[in-house]
Amino acid sequence: MGAAMIGDLEKDILTGTITKTAISKLKVATIREELRKRGLDDKGLKGDLVVRFYEAALAPPEQPPTPLPKQEKAPREQLEQQHEEEARSNRVSSKSTTRASEGRGGRKGNRREAGRKGSQRHAERDNSNSTGMEIVFLGTSSGSPTPTRNVTSIAFRLEKTTYLFDCGEGTQRQLHKAGVRPSRISKIFITHLHGDHCFGIAGAICAISNSRRDLASKSGRADESALHIYGPPGIFQLVRVQLEVSQTHVAMPVVVHELVSNGPGDGSSTRPQTVGDQGNRRGRSQIYYSKVTSKTEQPDRHSLLVRGGGTGRPVVKFGVVRGREGEGKWPLVEDEDGVCVHAAHLEHKVECFGYAIQERDSPGMLQPDRCKALGLPAGKAYAQLKEGLAVTAPNGRVIQPDEVVGPPRPGRRAIILGDTCDPWMITSSAMQADVIVHEATFHEGHRNMAVKAGHSTAHMAGLFAHNIQASALILTHFSARYDGYQDAAEEEDSFLPQKALKDFDFSIDGLVQEARHAFHGKKVMAAHDFFRYQIPRREAPQLVARAGSSEESHLE
């Protein structure tokens, strides 16, 4: 790429019409040469060079370099600060973030200033859950953290409580940075026991405990309700050992539920059993153990079609997973804060689960104008109609609830998957989901590698979202290579396959485009740390006048 194109690239960046993806298309040697021309350090990985070049292009060219003060930070600290500023610049409002994730161009204006404002808004947005159901991504990297992405964790905020899905190392810190109150967390759901999904459990428990203590000291009322943790067999031992060996005291009981496939197979749970005092030598922390057995259901038509990508055959199997005769479901939460949660198996190299969050239907809206048209004035009778009881108007007309109360508003459905190369067993629970969170560890060019590792490509995620007729798809769990932080990227792109693949394939934007193509052009977003998505409420069906009603003309 010539000097003229370099100049055009800088102009595009300054006008906010291009992103770092375009810079990453330059060869490493070209970026280093341009950095040397500007008197900047040309050492480091390609991702670091891209960020450095981007920052240089944002600065007005006529401004001379600012002399370093005596207490200037060391180069390593400068690099860490750069990455922190970059992370902040990514955390803007959900609307602008979605626009950028969908590949509609770069952001205008000074990104660093926007980043500072976005960071300040984290805590302020904690109470802005306007739809009553919000997904907050605390970590979006696969395997290990990068300078801009932590490992997997998701906060699912409801009106009165918050759930955590997965808890990678550093989740405790991410909660505070995102402005999510640990004291509101009542349940933690772990998809599987790979370290990037569970090594942060102990820290999260401590954060919840400390937050509850602080709240109790201010309000004078202690929250003694138990913290419930759900996950595959082995999760109890992990939690118990971490708290016991570290002699950690927590302020609330911790109940650990292991999802097992043996047993009666009816979805029953054992009564939580105390395992004795754990946590410190004074024995003030109690841990309880419970197991939940799966409820076996035969797969429906949709599940069989989706299984194996529409072929009716499994794509791959790793080892022996129990309870595969049908679709094993684990009922976990029944009507808490208006939602139910259950789990289903996913195909992965270790036992892994996906979780379905189903909101109960909301009562229909009473239509006061229609009540008055039928001769019923405002009063206590309205409440009876809302409760499903018939009432008699002053004119003697008996009014049935379905004449003046609209149909129930359908509840929303969210699907959060763990690592998987084939999530067919959660299909029946995922149909027509409002949103599905699906991993996209690889691009389609690495499909064989993905399946062998028990992971998915962005195309596979888009195809599953299409098959379940989802409304929106959010990609997460990205390999470091797509952010430019892979060690192999340090030299002349030698890690790239020699055939067909372009740099665009090794970008988050490329994954979004790949998934969108498989999703038939529907809504696809790429999550980053602290990305928030408020799930829109479903529209209530319209009230239709009953046939043969003498007041039908009044009800149109």
Protein backbone atom coordinates (compact mmCIF):
# COMPACT_ATOMS: atom_id res chain seq x y z
CA MET A 1 0.00 0.00 0.00
CA GLY A 2 1.57 3.32 -1.13
CA ALA A 3 2.14 6.62 0.63
CA ALA A 4 -0.93 8.14 -1.04
CA MET A 5 -3.12 5.43 0.41
CA ILE A 6 -1.52 5.98 3.82
CA GLY A 7 -2.46 9.65 3.60
CA ASP A 8 -6.00 8.79 2.57
CA LEU A 9 -6.23 6.39 5.50
CA GLU A 10 -5.24 9.14 7.95
CA LYS A 11 -7.84 11.49 6.48
CA ASP A 12 -10.51 8.83 6.79
CA ILE A 13 -9.61 8.23 10.43
CA LEU A 14 -9.71 11.93 11.26
CA THR A 15 -13.15 12.27 9.66
CA GLY A 16 -14.43 9.25 11.54
CA THR A 17 -15.20 7.24 8.41
CA ILE A 18 -12.96 4.25 9.02
CA THR A 19 -12.00 1.96 11.89
CA LYS A 20 -8.83 0.24 12.99
CA THR A 21 -9.89 -2.68 10.81
CA ALA A 22 -8.66 -0.74 7.78
CA ILE A 23 -5.32 -0.04 9.46
CA SER A 24 -4.90 -3.73 10.23
CA LYS A 25 -4.94 -4.41 6.50
CA LEU A 26 -1.53 -2.76 6.19
CA LYS A 27 1.54 -4.93 6.33
CA VAL A 28 3.45 -4.90 9.60
CA ALA A 29 6.52 -3.44 7.90
CA THR A 30 4.45 -0.58 6.46
CA ILE A 31 2.97 0.30 9.84
CA ARG A 32 6.40 0.24 11.46
CA GLU A 33 7.83 2.50 8.76
CA GLU A 34 5.05 5.04 9.26
CA LEU A 35 5.59 4.97 13.02
CA ARG A 36 9.31 5.58 12.58
CA LYS A 37 8.55 8.58 10.35
CA ARG A 38 6.57 10.05 13.23
CA GLY A 39 9.34 9.35 15.72
CA LEU A 40 7.28 6.71 17.49
CA ASP A 41 8.25 3.31 18.82
CA ASP A 42 7.90 0.63 16.14
CA LYS A 43 8.32 -2.40 18.40
CA GLY A 44 5.59 -4.77 19.51
CA LEU A 45 2.82 -6.97 18.19
CA LYS A 46 0.72 -5.99 15.23
CA GLY A 47 -2.26 -5.17 17.43
CA ASP A 48 -0.13 -2.76 19.46
CA LEU A 49 1.22 -1.15 16.29
CA VAL A 50 -2.28 -0.66 14.91
CA VAL A 51 -3.40 1.08 18.12
CA ARG A 52 -0.25 3.26 18.13
CA PHE A 53 -0.69 4.27 14.49
CA TYR A 54 -4.37 4.99 15.09
CA GLU A 55 -3.58 7.30 18.02
CA ALA A 56 -0.91 9.06 15.94
CA ALA A 57 -3.35 9.64 13.10
CA LEU A 58 -5.87 11.20 15.50
CA ALA A 59 -3.36 13.82 16.66
CA PRO A 60 -3.08 17.03 14.54
CA PRO A 61 0.10 16.68 12.40
CA GLU A 62 1.33 20.20 13.05
CA GLN A 63 1.59 19.66 16.78
CA PRO A 64 5.13 18.79 17.92
CA PRO A 65 5.59 15.90 20.34
CA THR A 66 5.07 16.89 23.96
CA PRO A 67 8.26 16.53 26.05
CA LEU A 68 8.08 13.79 28.62
CA PRO A 69 7.78 15.05 32.21
CA LYS A 70 10.21 13.84 34.81
CA GLN A 71 7.68 11.45 36.30
CA GLU A 72 6.58 10.04 32.95
CA LYS A 73 5.36 6.49 33.10
CA ALA A 74 7.55 3.65 31.96
CA PRO A 75 6.97 2.34 28.39
CA ARG A 76 5.15 -0.73 29.72
CA GLU A 77 2.83 1.45 31.80
CA GLN A 78 2.24 3.69 28.79
CA LEU A 79 1.19 0.66 26.76
CA GLU A 80 -1.16 -0.48 29.50
CA GLN A 81 -2.67 3.00 29.62
CA GLN A 82 -3.12 2.92 25.84
CA HIS A 83 -5.00 -0.35 26.08
CA GLU A 84 -7.12 0.98 28.92
CA GLU A 85 -8.02 4.09 26.89
CA GLU A 86 -8.87 1.87 23.95
CA ALA A 87 -11.14 -0.25 26.15
CA ARG A 88 -12.86 2.89 27.41
CA SER A 89 -13.36 4.19 23.90
CA ASN A 90 -15.23 1.00 23.07
CA ARG A 91 -17.66 1.44 25.96
CA VAL A 92 -20.18 3.88 24.58
CA SER A 93 -23.95 3.79 24.60
CA SER A 94 -25.64 0.61 23.40
CA LYS A 95 -27.03 2.36 20.34
CA SER A 96 -23.72 3.58 18.99
CA THR A 97 -21.99 0.36 19.97
CA THR A 98 -24.52 -1.70 18.07
CA ARG A 99 -24.08 0.51 15.02
CA ALA A 100 -20.32 0.02 15.11
CA SER A 101 -20.60 -3.71 15.72
CA GLU A 102 -22.85 -4.06 12.69
CA GLY A 103 -20.14 -2.59 10.52
CA ARG A 104 -21.73 0.77 9.69
CA GLY A 105 -18.53 2.75 9.84
CA GLY A 106 -16.28 4.30 12.44
CA ARG A 107 -17.13 6.70 15.22
CA LYS A 108 -16.78 10.41 14.70
CA GLY A 109 -15.04 12.82 17.00
CA ASN A 110 -12.42 12.24 19.60
CA ARG A 111 -12.67 8.61 20.68
CA ARG A 112 -10.63 9.15 23.80
CA GLU A 113 -13.03 11.83 25.04
CA ALA A 114 -15.98 9.58 24.23
CA GLY A 115 -14.25 6.79 26.11
CA ARG A 116 -13.86 8.90 29.24
CA LYS A 117 -17.53 9.87 29.13
CA GLY A 118 -18.54 6.27 28.49
CA SER A 119 -16.52 5.09 31.48
CA GLN A 120 -18.20 7.66 33.71
CA ARG A 121 -21.61 6.43 32.57
CA HIS A 122 -21.09 2.82 33.73
CA ALA A 123 -22.30 3.35 37.29
CA GLU A 124 -24.94 5.84 36.20
CA ARG A 125 -26.49 3.28 33.86
CA ASP A 126 -26.87 0.70 36.62
CA ASN A 127 -30.44 1.83 37.28
CA SER A 128 -31.38 2.51 33.66
CA ASN A 129 -32.68 -0.99 32.93
CA SER A 130 -35.71 0.47 31.17
CA THR A 131 -36.94 -2.81 29.65
CA GLY A 132 -36.43 -4.81 32.85
CA MET A 133 -34.15 -7.29 31.10
CA GLU A 134 -30.58 -6.35 30.22
CA ILE A 135 -27.47 -8.32 29.24
CA VAL A 136 -24.14 -6.85 30.36
CA PHE A 137 -21.00 -8.47 28.96
CA LEU A 138 -18.22 -8.53 31.56
CA GLY A 139 -15.77 -10.62 29.53
CA THR A 140 -15.72 -11.59 25.85
CA SER A 141 -12.35 -13.25 25.23
CA SER A 142 -11.80 -16.98 24.81
CA GLY A 143 -9.13 -18.89 26.69
CA SER A 144 -7.24 -16.01 28.26
CA PRO A 145 -7.66 -12.24 28.66
CA THR A 146 -6.26 -9.69 26.22
CA PRO A 147 -5.43 -6.02 26.87
CA THR A 148 -9.02 -5.07 25.93
CA ARG A 149 -11.06 -8.19 26.74
CA ASN A 150 -11.45 -10.22 29.92
CA VAL A 151 -12.46 -13.88 29.93
CA THR A 152 -16.08 -14.96 29.87
CA SER A 153 -18.77 -13.61 32.17
CA ILE A 154 -22.22 -12.15 31.59
CA ALA A 155 -24.49 -10.27 34.01
CA PHE A 156 -28.18 -10.72 33.27
CA ARG A 157 -30.06 -7.90 34.98
CA LEU A 158 -33.74 -8.17 35.87
CA GLU A 159 -35.83 -5.61 37.71
CA LYS A 160 -35.17 -6.99 41.20
CA THR A 161 -32.20 -9.31 40.85
CA THR A 162 -29.15 -10.10 38.74
CA TYR A 163 -27.85 -13.44 37.48
CA LEU A 164 -24.25 -14.20 36.52
CA PHE A 165 -23.57 -16.58 33.65
CA ASP A 166 -20.02 -17.89 33.85
CA CYS A 167 -17.40 -16.35 36.05
CA GLY A 168 -13.94 -16.20 34.51
CA GLU A 169 -10.94 -14.84 36.38
CA GLY A 170 -11.28 -11.11 37.05
CA THR A 171 -15.09 -11.06 37.04
CA GLN A 172 -15.10 -9.36 40.45
CA ARG A 173 -13.23 -6.37 39.01
CA GLN A 174 -15.38 -6.30 35.88
CA LEU A 175 -18.53 -6.07 37.99
CA HIS A 176 -17.29 -2.90 39.63
CA LYS A 177 -16.11 -1.37 36.36
CA ALA A 178 -19.47 -2.09 34.73
CA GLY A 179 -21.43 -0.58 37.61
CA VAL A 180 -23.27 -3.85 38.30
CA ARG A 181 -24.07 -4.10 42.01
CA PRO A 182 -22.78 -7.39 43.44
CA SER A 183 -25.34 -7.23 46.25
CA ARG A 184 -28.12 -7.79 43.69
CA ILE A 185 -26.64 -11.06 42.42
CA SER A 186 -28.70 -14.01 43.65
CA LYS A 187 -27.57 -16.80 41.32
CA ILE A 188 -24.50 -17.85 39.35
CA PHE A 189 -24.84 -20.25 36.41
CA ILE A 190 -21.67 -21.95 35.14
CA THR A 191 -21.71 -23.47 31.66
CA HIS A 192 -18.66 -25.72 32.11
CA LEU A 193 -15.52 -26.06 34.17
CA HIS A 194 -12.85 -24.77 31.82
CA GLY A 195 -10.84 -22.17 33.70
CA ASP A 196 -11.78 -19.18 31.56
CA HIS A 197 -15.39 -19.74 32.63
CA CYS A 198 -15.05 -20.54 36.34
CA PHE A 199 -11.75 -19.39 37.89
CA GLY A 200 -13.39 -16.18 39.14
CA ILE A 201 -16.12 -17.80 41.24
CA ALA A 202 -14.41 -17.34 44.61
CA GLY A 203 -13.71 -13.68 43.92
CA ALA A 204 -17.30 -13.10 42.81
CA ILE A 205 -18.62 -14.76 45.97
CA CYS A 206 -16.43 -12.44 48.06
CA ALA A 207 -17.62 -9.41 46.10
CA ILE A 208 -21.25 -10.37 46.67
CA SER A 209 -20.62 -10.98 50.37
CA ASN A 210 -18.77 -7.69 50.88
CA SER A 211 -21.40 -5.76 48.95
CA ARG A 212 -24.15 -7.24 51.10
CA ARG A 213 -22.23 -6.34 54.26
CA ASP A 214 -21.79 -2.76 53.10
CA LEU A 215 -25.47 -2.50 52.26
CA ALA A 216 -26.43 -3.94 55.64
CA SER A 217 -24.22 -1.46 57.49
CA LYS A 218 -25.97 1.42 55.74
CA SER A 219 -29.55 0.15 55.89
CA GLY A 220 -29.37 -1.77 59.15
CA ARG A 221 -30.93 -4.81 57.47
CA ALA A 222 -28.85 -7.81 56.47
CA ASP A 223 -29.66 -9.84 53.37
CA GLU A 224 -29.35 -13.41 54.60
CA SER A 225 -30.78 -15.07 51.50
CA ALA A 226 -28.62 -17.81 50.02
CA LEU A 227 -26.44 -17.41 46.95
CA HIS A 228 -27.23 -20.26 44.54
CA ILE A 229 -24.60 -21.61 42.15
CA TYR A 230 -25.48 -24.02 39.33
CA GLY A 231 -23.10 -26.00 37.18
CA PRO A 232 -21.84 -29.40 36.03
CA PRO A 233 -20.57 -32.10 38.39
CA GLY A 234 -17.40 -30.90 40.07
CA ILE A 235 -18.59 -27.35 40.65
CA PHE A 236 -19.28 -28.06 44.33
CA GLN A 237 -15.76 -29.34 44.95
CA LEU A 238 -14.29 -26.31 43.19
CA VAL A 239 -16.26 -23.83 45.30
CA ARG A 240 -15.73 -25.72 48.54
CA VAL A 241 -11.96 -26.06 48.14
CA GLN A 242 -11.48 -22.42 47.14
CA LEU A 243 -13.36 -21.10 50.16
CA GLU A 244 -12.05 -23.69 52.60
CA VAL A 245 -8.34 -23.52 51.75
CA SER A 246 -8.36 -19.72 51.67
CA GLN A 247 -10.28 -19.65 54.98
CA THR A 248 -12.77 -17.25 53.48
CA HIS A 249 -15.81 -16.18 55.47
CA VAL A 250 -18.85 -15.10 53.49
CA ALA A 251 -21.90 -13.37 54.87
CA MET A 252 -24.53 -15.63 53.31
CA PRO A 253 -25.16 -19.34 52.82
CA VAL A 254 -23.89 -20.70 49.51
CA VAL A 255 -25.94 -23.48 47.90
CA VAL A 256 -24.20 -25.32 45.06
CA HIS A 257 -26.41 -27.30 42.67
CA GLU A 258 -24.76 -29.90 40.43
CA LEU A 259 -26.61 -30.82 37.24
CA VAL A 260 -26.49 -34.61 36.91
CA SER A 261 -28.02 -36.96 34.35
CA ASN A 262 -28.54 -40.01 36.56
CA GLY A 263 -31.43 -40.37 38.98
CA PRO A 264 -35.19 -40.46 38.41
CA GLY A 265 -34.95 -38.35 35.27
CA ASP A 266 -37.94 -36.21 36.15
CA GLY A 267 -36.21 -32.90 36.77
CA SER A 268 -36.31 -33.27 40.55
CA SER A 269 -33.88 -31.66 42.97
CA THR A 270 -32.51 -33.03 46.20
CA ARG A 271 -32.98 -31.06 49.37
CA PRO A 272 -29.87 -28.92 49.96
CA GLN A 273 -27.65 -30.70 52.46
CA THR A 274 -25.14 -28.97 54.67
CA VAL A 275 -21.60 -30.20 54.23
CA GLY A 276 -20.47 -28.66 57.47
CA ASP A 277 -18.96 -25.33 58.26
CA GLN A 278 -16.46 -24.26 55.63
CA GLY A 279 -14.44 -21.18 54.98
CA ASN A 280 -12.47 -20.51 58.15
CA ARG A 281 -11.50 -22.09 61.42
CA ARG A 282 -14.28 -20.39 63.28
CA GLY A 283 -16.80 -22.11 61.03
CA ARG A 284 -19.00 -19.18 60.15
CA SER A 285 -19.49 -19.92 56.43
CA GLN A 286 -21.85 -22.66 55.37
CA ILE A 287 -21.87 -24.40 52.01
CA TYR A 288 -24.75 -26.63 50.96
CA TYR A 289 -24.85 -29.26 48.25
CA SER A 290 -27.78 -30.16 46.03
CA LYS A 291 -28.11 -32.10 42.80
CA VAL A 292 -30.64 -31.52 40.04
CA THR A 293 -31.56 -34.41 37.76
CA SER A 294 -32.51 -33.90 34.15
CA LYS A 295 -36.06 -34.20 32.88
CA THR A 296 -35.84 -36.27 29.71
CA GLU A 297 -38.04 -35.18 26.83
CA GLN A 298 -38.08 -36.60 23.34
CA PRO A 299 -36.69 -34.16 20.77
CA ASP A 300 -39.29 -32.34 18.70
CA ARG A 301 -39.26 -31.76 14.94
CA HIS A 302 -37.29 -28.51 15.21
CA SER A 303 -34.59 -30.19 17.29
CA LEU A 304 -34.15 -32.99 14.79
CA LEU A 305 -33.92 -30.54 11.91
CA VAL A 306 -31.37 -28.36 13.67
CA ARG A 307 -29.33 -31.31 14.90
CA GLY A 308 -26.27 -31.63 12.73
CA GLY A 309 -26.88 -28.35 10.90
CA GLY A 310 -30.18 -29.45 9.39
CA THR A 311 -29.15 -32.99 8.39
CA GLY A 312 -30.76 -34.77 11.33
CA ARG A 313 -27.38 -36.25 12.31
CA PRO A 314 -24.96 -35.14 15.02
CA VAL A 315 -22.02 -33.17 13.71
CA VAL A 316 -19.56 -34.62 16.19
CA LYS A 317 -19.44 -36.38 19.53
CA PHE A 318 -16.74 -36.15 22.14
CA GLY A 319 -16.68 -39.02 24.60
CA VAL A 320 -19.81 -40.22 26.36
CA VAL A 321 -22.38 -37.76 27.59
CA ARG A 322 -25.18 -39.22 29.66
CA GLY A 323 -28.85 -38.64 29.04
CA ARG A 324 -28.65 -38.31 25.25
CA GLU A 325 -31.73 -40.44 24.50
CA GLY A 326 -33.82 -37.31 24.46
CA GLU A 327 -33.43 -33.66 25.25
CA GLY A 328 -32.35 -33.53 28.86
CA LYS A 329 -33.59 -30.40 30.61
CA TRP A 330 -32.74 -29.19 34.08
CA PRO A 331 -35.43 -26.93 35.61
CA LEU A 332 -33.50 -24.58 37.87
CA VAL A 333 -35.51 -21.43 38.60
CA GLU A 334 -39.29 -21.27 38.75
CA ASP A 335 -40.83 -17.83 38.50
CA GLU A 336 -38.29 -15.61 40.26
CA ASP A 337 -38.68 -11.95 39.32
CA GLY A 338 -41.00 -13.10 36.56
CA VAL A 339 -38.64 -15.55 34.86
CA CYS A 340 -37.88 -19.26 34.72
CA VAL A 341 -34.46 -20.71 33.94
CA HIS A 342 -33.55 -24.18 32.78
CA ALA A 343 -30.45 -25.80 31.35
CA ALA A 344 -29.74 -28.16 28.47
CA HIS A 345 -26.66 -30.04 27.32
CA LEU A 346 -24.35 -28.68 24.61
CA GLU A 347 -21.77 -30.51 22.51
CA HIS A 348 -18.29 -29.64 23.80
CA LYS A 349 -15.12 -31.42 24.84
CA VAL A 350 -16.28 -31.44 28.47
CA GLU A 351 -19.77 -31.51 29.92
CA CYS A 352 -21.27 -28.15 29.06
CA PHE A 353 -24.64 -26.44 29.35
CA GLY A 354 -26.67 -23.71 27.74
CA TYR A 355 -29.26 -21.75 29.69
CA ALA A 356 -32.73 -20.60 28.61
CA ILE A 357 -34.28 -17.64 30.42
CA GLN A 358 -38.02 -17.43 29.84
CA GLU A 359 -40.10 -14.49 31.04
CA ARG A 360 -43.66 -15.27 32.04
CA ASP A 361 -46.43 -13.69 30.00
CA SER A 362 -47.66 -10.33 31.29
CA PRO A 363 -51.38 -9.81 31.95
CA GLY A 364 -53.28 -8.11 29.17
CA MET A 365 -54.02 -4.40 29.33
CA LEU A 366 -57.45 -3.28 30.46
CA GLN A 367 -59.14 -0.99 27.93
CA PRO A 368 -61.06 1.65 29.97
CA ASP A 369 -62.67 3.15 26.87
CA ARG A 370 -64.17 -0.20 25.98
CA CYS A 371 -65.43 -0.67 29.52
CA LYS A 372 -67.22 2.69 29.37
CA ALA A 373 -68.62 1.86 25.94
CA LEU A 374 -70.25 -1.21 27.50
CA GLY A 375 -71.69 0.87 30.34
CA LEU A 376 -69.10 0.15 33.05
CA PRO A 377 -67.63 3.22 34.77
CA ALA A 378 -64.23 3.23 36.47
CA GLY A 379 -64.13 1.49 39.83
CA LYS A 380 -63.27 -1.71 41.68
CA ALA A 381 -64.84 -3.77 38.90
CA TYR A 382 -61.83 -2.96 36.72
CA ALA A 383 -59.55 -4.86 39.10
CA GLN A 384 -61.92 -7.85 39.03
CA LEU A 385 -61.79 -7.90 35.25
CA LYS A 386 -57.99 -7.82 35.37
CA GLU A 387 -58.12 -10.84 37.68
CA GLY A 388 -60.20 -12.75 35.12
CA LEU A 389 -63.60 -12.32 36.78
CA ALA A 390 -66.79 -11.35 34.96
CA VAL A 391 -68.65 -8.27 36.26
CA THR A 392 -72.11 -6.79 35.80
CA ALA A 393 -72.40 -3.20 34.61
CA PRO A 394 -75.04 -0.81 36.08
CA ASN A 395 -77.10 -1.30 32.91
CA GLY A 396 -77.30 -5.04 33.60
CA ARG A 397 -74.77 -6.01 30.93
CA VAL A 398 -72.53 -8.92 31.99
CA ILE A 399 -69.01 -8.14 30.83
CA GLN A 400 -66.52 -10.93 30.33
CA PRO A 401 -62.79 -10.21 30.84
CA ASP A 402 -61.88 -11.11 27.27
CA GLU A 403 -64.18 -8.34 26.03
CA VAL A 404 -62.20 -5.53 27.65
CA VAL A 405 -58.84 -7.02 28.61
CA GLY A 406 -56.30 -7.54 25.87
CA PRO A 407 -54.47 -10.82 25.35
CA PRO A 408 -51.42 -11.43 27.54
CA ARG A 409 -48.14 -9.90 26.39
CA PRO A 410 -45.84 -12.80 25.43
CA GLY A 411 -42.82 -13.14 27.68
CA ARG A 412 -39.33 -12.66 26.31
CA ARG A 413 -36.84 -15.47 25.81
CA ALA A 414 -33.06 -15.21 26.04
CA ILE A 415 -30.59 -18.01 25.32
CA ILE A 416 -27.04 -17.96 26.71
CA LEU A 417 -24.82 -20.75 25.44
CA GLY A 418 -21.53 -22.04 26.74
CA ASP A 419 -18.78 -23.30 24.47
CA THR A 420 -20.18 -25.61 21.82
CA CYS A 421 -19.79 -27.02 18.34
CA ASP A 422 -23.44 -28.11 18.19
CA PRO A 423 -26.18 -26.75 20.49
CA TRP A 424 -29.04 -28.79 19.03
CA MET A 425 -30.23 -30.13 22.40
CA ILE A 426 -31.41 -26.69 23.51
CA THR A 427 -33.37 -26.12 20.29
CA SER A 428 -36.91 -26.60 21.61
CA SER A 429 -36.25 -24.13 24.42
CA ALA A 430 -34.59 -21.64 22.09
CA MET A 431 -37.20 -21.40 19.33
CA GLN A 432 -38.13 -17.80 18.48
CA ALA A 433 -35.74 -16.43 21.09
CA ASP A 434 -35.60 -12.66 21.37
CA VAL A 435 -31.82 -12.89 21.59
CA ILE A 436 -29.22 -15.65 21.60
CA VAL A 437 -25.67 -15.26 22.89
CA HIS A 438 -23.44 -17.62 20.92
CA GLU A 439 -19.69 -18.13 20.87
CA ALA A 440 -17.72 -17.32 17.70
CA THR A 441 -14.23 -18.52 18.52
CA PHE A 442 -13.22 -19.03 14.88
CA HIS A 443 -14.13 -17.89 11.38
CA GLU A 444 -15.46 -20.32 8.80
CA GLY A 445 -12.04 -20.88 7.26
CA HIS A 446 -11.09 -22.66 10.50
CA ARG A 447 -14.26 -24.75 10.77
CA ASN A 448 -12.43 -28.08 11.10
CA MET A 449 -10.24 -26.64 13.83
CA ALA A 450 -13.30 -25.25 15.59
CA VAL A 451 -15.24 -28.52 15.57
CA LYS A 452 -12.22 -30.50 16.70
CA ALA A 453 -11.85 -28.15 19.68
CA GLY A 454 -15.58 -28.24 20.44
CA HIS A 455 -16.12 -24.63 19.36
CA SER A 456 -18.12 -22.77 16.72
CA THR A 457 -17.41 -20.46 13.84
CA ALA A 458 -19.34 -17.23 13.34
CA HIS A 459 -21.12 -18.88 10.41
CA MET A 460 -22.24 -21.78 12.63
CA ALA A 461 -23.59 -19.28 15.16
CA GLY A 462 -25.53 -17.43 12.47
CA LEU A 463 -26.94 -20.66 11.07
CA PHE A 464 -28.20 -21.83 14.46
CA ALA A 465 -29.77 -18.42 15.12
CA HIS A 466 -31.54 -18.72 11.76
CA ASN A 467 -32.73 -22.27 12.46
CA ILE A 468 -34.30 -21.32 15.78
CA GLN A 469 -35.87 -18.18 14.23
CA ALA A 470 -34.19 -15.87 16.71
CA SER A 471 -34.69 -12.12 16.52
CA ALA A 472 -31.11 -11.12 17.34
CA LEU A 473 -27.70 -12.74 17.68
CA ILE A 474 -24.83 -11.53 19.86
CA LEU A 475 -21.40 -13.02 19.20
CA THR A 476 -18.83 -13.40 21.98
CA HIS A 477 -15.89 -15.59 23.13
CA PHE A 478 -13.48 -14.29 20.49
CA SER A 479 -10.02 -15.70 19.91
CA ALA A 480 -7.23 -13.20 20.54
CA ARG A 481 -6.22 -13.40 16.87
CA TYR A 482 -9.27 -11.31 15.92
CA ASP A 483 -8.14 -8.42 18.12
CA GLY A 484 -4.58 -8.52 16.80
CA TYR A 485 -2.97 -9.77 20.02
CA GLN A 486 -1.84 -13.21 18.92
CA ASP A 487 1.91 -13.74 19.33
CA ALA A 488 2.17 -15.11 15.82
CA ALA A 489 1.05 -11.77 14.41
CA GLU A 490 4.29 -10.06 15.38
CA GLU A 491 6.04 -10.69 12.07
CA GLU A 492 5.04 -10.38 8.41
CA ASP A 493 1.64 -12.04 8.69
CA SER A 494 3.37 -15.40 8.34
CA PHE A 495 0.67 -17.05 10.45
CA LEU A 496 -1.96 -16.39 7.79
CA PRO A 497 -2.96 -19.28 5.52
CA GLN A 498 -1.50 -18.84 2.05
CA LYS A 499 -4.83 -19.34 0.30
CA ALA A 500 -7.91 -17.18 0.11
CA LEU A 501 -7.97 -15.62 3.59
CA LYS A 502 -7.62 -11.85 3.84
CA ASP A 503 -6.92 -9.69 6.86
CA PHE A 504 -10.63 -8.86 7.01
CA ASP A 505 -11.29 -12.48 7.95
CA PHE A 506 -9.14 -11.93 11.04
CA SER A 507 -11.26 -9.08 12.40
CA ILE A 508 -14.37 -8.85 14.52
CA ASP A 509 -16.14 -7.09 11.65
CA GLY A 510 -15.36 -10.08 9.46
CA LEU A 511 -16.98 -12.42 11.98
CA VAL A 512 -20.09 -10.23 12.14
CA GLN A 513 -20.43 -10.24 8.37
CA GLU A 514 -19.96 -14.01 8.29
CA ALA A 515 -22.65 -14.59 10.91
CA ARG A 516 -25.03 -12.10 9.31
CA HIS A 517 -24.77 -13.92 5.99
CA ALA A 518 -25.75 -17.22 7.65
CA PHE A 519 -28.48 -15.41 9.63
CA HIS A 520 -29.98 -14.15 6.37
CA GLY A 521 -29.21 -10.51 7.03
CA LYS A 522 -30.88 -10.30 10.44
CA LYS A 523 -29.53 -8.44 13.47
CA VAL A 524 -26.02 -9.52 14.50
CA MET A 525 -23.88 -7.77 17.12
CA ALA A 526 -20.35 -8.39 18.32
CA ALA A 527 -20.05 -8.00 22.08
CA HIS A 528 -17.11 -6.30 23.73
CA ASP A 529 -16.43 -5.90 27.43
CA PHE A 530 -19.13 -3.73 29.07
CA PHE A 531 -21.39 -3.90 26.01
CA ARG A 532 -25.01 -3.71 27.13
CA TYR A 533 -28.09 -4.97 25.34
CA GLN A 534 -31.57 -4.26 26.65
CA ILE A 535 -34.00 -6.87 25.35
CA PRO A 536 -37.04 -5.07 23.88
CA ARG A 537 -40.43 -5.97 25.29
CA ARG A 538 -42.66 -7.90 22.95
CA GLU A 539 -45.73 -6.19 21.59
CA ALA A 540 -49.03 -7.17 23.15
CA PRO A 541 -51.57 -8.71 20.74
CA GLN A 542 -54.45 -6.47 19.84
CA LEU A 543 -57.82 -7.00 21.48
CA VAL A 544 -60.32 -8.18 18.88
CA ALA A 545 -64.05 -7.86 19.41
CA ARG A 546 -65.89 -11.14 19.88
CA ALA A 547 -67.98 -12.19 16.90
CA GLY A 548 -71.67 -11.59 17.36
CA SER A 549 -71.20 -8.95 20.05
CA SER A 550 -73.89 -6.28 19.91
CA GLU A 551 -71.25 -3.74 20.90
CA GLU A 552 -68.84 -4.87 18.16
CA SER A 553 -68.93 -1.48 16.47
CA HIS A 554 -67.70 0.12 19.67
CA LEU A 555 -64.73 -2.23 19.95
CA GLU A 556 -63.06 -1.65 16.62
